[in-house]
């Protein structure tokens, strides 16, 4: 789905994904505060909070009976570029870093997501990501899968 990232970039993406996912934990409060290494409070706001449904209102379903595995990558699309038709088999969090990201779903539904927007991708539904804008669109994609389970399948593949 994108080019291979360096080890440093992979670690940075994983750390960013973990920080974003920390905001997805069970808190009902949109603002979090935690002590920093220096002891002063650090504040931020949640992207998702207690999310239970995907972007298509499906219950989020985690793989069971296998060792958990979290992966992340930054996907970049130039104006007019598309990802191709994909299907998520595991819960996948997407955060739009820049530009506007569009998703067309097999059922004919199209959704546009502006920079700063996070969402849980649909599971088991074909979708095609695209950049319909004039600027580069970048997203952080974090998959929450399990050892031996393929997170994403490509149509025809």
Protein backbone atom coordinates (compact mmCIF):
# COMPACT_ATOMS: atom_id res chain seq x y z
CA UNK A 1 0.00 0.00 0.00
CA UNK A 2 3.02 2.32 0.15
CA UNK A 3 6.77 2.45 0.06
CA UNK A 4 8.88 0.78 2.73
CA UNK A 5 9.77 3.07 5.66
CA UNK A 6 13.16 3.18 7.38
CA UNK A 7 13.46 1.57 10.81
CA UNK A 8 13.49 5.02 12.45
CA UNK A 9 10.36 6.08 10.56
CA UNK A 10 8.63 2.82 11.53
CA UNK A 11 9.43 3.38 15.22
CA UNK A 12 8.23 7.00 14.96
CA UNK A 13 4.98 5.89 13.31
CA UNK A 14 4.43 3.21 15.91
CA UNK A 15 5.04 5.71 18.71
CA UNK A 16 2.65 8.20 17.08
CA UNK A 17 0.06 5.45 16.66
CA UNK A 18 0.42 4.41 20.29
CA UNK A 19 -0.05 8.02 21.41
CA UNK A 20 -3.14 8.38 19.21
CA UNK A 21 -4.53 5.07 20.43
CA UNK A 22 -3.99 6.12 24.04
CA UNK A 23 -6.62 8.77 23.35
CA UNK A 24 -8.96 6.01 22.16
CA UNK A 25 -9.03 4.27 25.55
CA UNK A 26 -12.12 4.24 27.74
CA UNK A 27 -12.12 7.88 28.84
CA UNK A 28 -15.26 9.91 28.20
CA UNK A 29 -13.33 13.15 28.60
CA UNK A 30 -12.10 14.79 25.41
CA UNK A 31 -9.05 16.25 27.18
CA UNK A 32 -6.35 14.21 28.86
CA UNK A 33 -3.65 15.30 31.26
CA UNK A 34 -0.63 13.33 32.41
CA UNK A 35 2.58 14.19 34.19
CA UNK A 36 5.61 14.63 31.92
CA UNK A 37 9.12 13.44 32.75
CA UNK A 38 9.75 16.81 34.42
CA UNK A 39 6.65 16.42 36.58
CA UNK A 40 4.58 19.17 34.95
CA UNK A 41 1.20 18.33 33.45
CA UNK A 42 0.96 17.71 29.70
CA UNK A 43 -2.44 18.23 28.03
CA UNK A 44 -3.89 17.08 24.75
CA UNK A 45 -7.18 16.29 23.18
CA UNK A 46 -8.55 12.92 22.10
CA UNK A 47 -9.01 12.05 18.46
CA UNK A 48 -11.35 9.18 19.34
CA UNK A 49 -12.76 8.38 22.75
CA UNK A 50 -14.30 5.02 23.54
CA UNK A 51 -14.99 4.36 19.84
CA UNK A 52 -17.04 1.18 19.36
CA UNK A 53 -18.10 1.49 15.71
CA UNK A 54 -16.31 1.82 12.37
CA UNK A 55 -16.92 4.63 9.89
CA UNK A 56 -19.78 2.52 8.44
CA UNK A 57 -21.34 1.94 11.91
CA UNK A 58 -20.09 -1.65 12.24
CA UNK A 59 -19.06 -2.97 15.66
CA UNK A 60 -15.26 -3.12 15.92
CA UNK A 61 -14.19 -6.79 15.97
CA UNK A 62 -10.73 -7.88 17.13
CA UNK A 63 -9.14 -11.18 16.06
CA UNK A 64 -9.30 -13.71 18.88
CA UNK A 65 -7.15 -16.63 19.99
CA UNK A 66 -3.88 -15.27 18.57
CA UNK A 67 -1.04 -13.05 19.78
CA UNK A 68 -1.91 -9.36 19.33
CA UNK A 69 0.12 -7.33 16.83
CA UNK A 70 -0.01 -3.59 16.06
CA UNK A 71 1.46 -2.17 12.84
CA UNK A 72 1.53 1.33 11.41
CA UNK A 73 2.51 3.16 8.27
CA UNK A 74 2.20 6.60 6.76
CA UNK A 75 0.48 6.52 3.37
CA UNK A 76 0.91 9.46 1.01
CA UNK A 77 -1.20 10.13 -2.09
CA UNK A 78 -0.46 12.80 -4.67
CA UNK A 79 -3.46 14.71 -6.13
CA UNK A 80 -5.53 12.30 -8.24
CA UNK A 81 -3.81 9.19 -6.86
CA UNK A 82 -5.72 6.21 -5.37
CA UNK A 83 -4.86 3.29 -3.09
CA UNK A 84 -6.74 0.69 -5.11
CA UNK A 85 -9.54 -1.41 -3.65
CA UNK A 86 -8.67 -2.83 -0.22
CA UNK A 87 -10.46 -4.69 2.56
CA UNK A 88 -9.44 -4.43 6.23
CA UNK A 89 -9.64 -7.75 8.09
CA UNK A 90 -8.63 -6.26 11.45
CA UNK A 91 -9.48 -3.03 13.29
CA UNK A 92 -7.71 -0.13 11.60
CA UNK A 93 -7.37 3.42 12.87
CA UNK A 94 -6.73 6.13 10.27
CA UNK A 95 -5.60 9.66 11.11
CA UNK A 96 -5.39 12.31 8.38
CA UNK A 97 -2.08 14.13 8.79
CA UNK A 98 -2.46 16.52 5.84
CA UNK A 99 -4.74 17.24 2.90
CA UNK A 100 -8.16 15.67 2.44
CA UNK A 101 -8.52 11.89 2.26
CA UNK A 102 -11.54 10.43 0.46
CA UNK A 103 -12.86 6.88 0.83
CA UNK A 104 -15.29 5.22 -1.56
CA UNK A 105 -16.95 2.11 -0.18
CA UNK A 106 -18.30 -0.84 -2.18
CA UNK A 107 -21.86 0.05 -1.18
CA UNK A 108 -21.55 3.36 -3.11
CA UNK A 109 -20.92 5.47 0.00
CA UNK A 110 -18.19 8.12 -0.26
CA UNK A 111 -16.74 9.96 2.75
CA UNK A 112 -14.21 12.79 2.86
CA UNK A 113 -11.89 13.33 5.84
CA UNK A 114 -10.03 16.60 6.46
CA UNK A 115 -6.60 16.91 8.10
CA UNK A 116 -6.88 16.33 11.85
CA UNK A 117 -9.67 13.78 11.46
CA UNK A 118 -9.38 10.26 12.85
CA UNK A 119 -11.67 7.33 12.13
CA UNK A 120 -11.96 3.58 12.47
CA UNK A 121 -11.92 2.09 8.98
CA UNK A 122 -14.71 -0.25 7.89
CA UNK A 123 -13.95 -3.96 8.33
CA UNK A 124 -14.73 -6.60 5.72
CA UNK A 125 -15.90 -3.97 3.19
CA UNK A 126 -14.04 -3.06 -0.01
CA UNK A 127 -12.87 0.56 -0.06
CA UNK A 128 -10.69 2.76 -2.26
CA UNK A 129 -8.81 5.69 -0.74
CA UNK A 130 -8.12 8.68 -2.96
CA UNK A 131 -6.86 12.23 -3.02
CA UNK A 132 -9.33 14.44 -4.88
CA UNK A 133 -7.67 17.65 -3.67
CA UNK A 134 -4.85 19.81 -4.97
CA UNK A 135 -2.40 19.10 -2.13
CA UNK A 136 -0.65 15.92 -1.02
CA UNK A 137 -2.82 13.82 1.33
CA UNK A 138 -1.05 11.89 4.11
CA UNK A 139 -2.57 9.48 6.62
CA UNK A 140 -1.25 7.47 9.52
CA UNK A 141 -2.72 3.95 9.33
CA UNK A 142 -2.57 1.81 12.50
CA UNK A 143 -3.75 -1.80 12.26
CA UNK A 144 -4.61 -3.79 15.37
CA UNK A 145 -4.30 -7.37 14.24
CA UNK A 146 -2.98 -10.71 15.36
CA UNK A 147 -0.04 -12.91 14.51
CA UNK A 148 -0.84 -14.96 11.40
CA UNK A 149 -3.83 -12.80 10.37
CA UNK A 150 -3.42 -10.71 7.21
CA UNK A 151 -4.58 -7.17 8.09
CA UNK A 152 -5.40 -5.99 4.56
CA UNK A 153 -6.32 -7.78 1.33
CA UNK A 154 -6.25 -6.25 -2.14
CA UNK A 155 -9.06 -6.82 -4.60
CA UNK A 156 -7.94 -9.40 -7.13
CA UNK A 157 -4.96 -10.33 -4.95
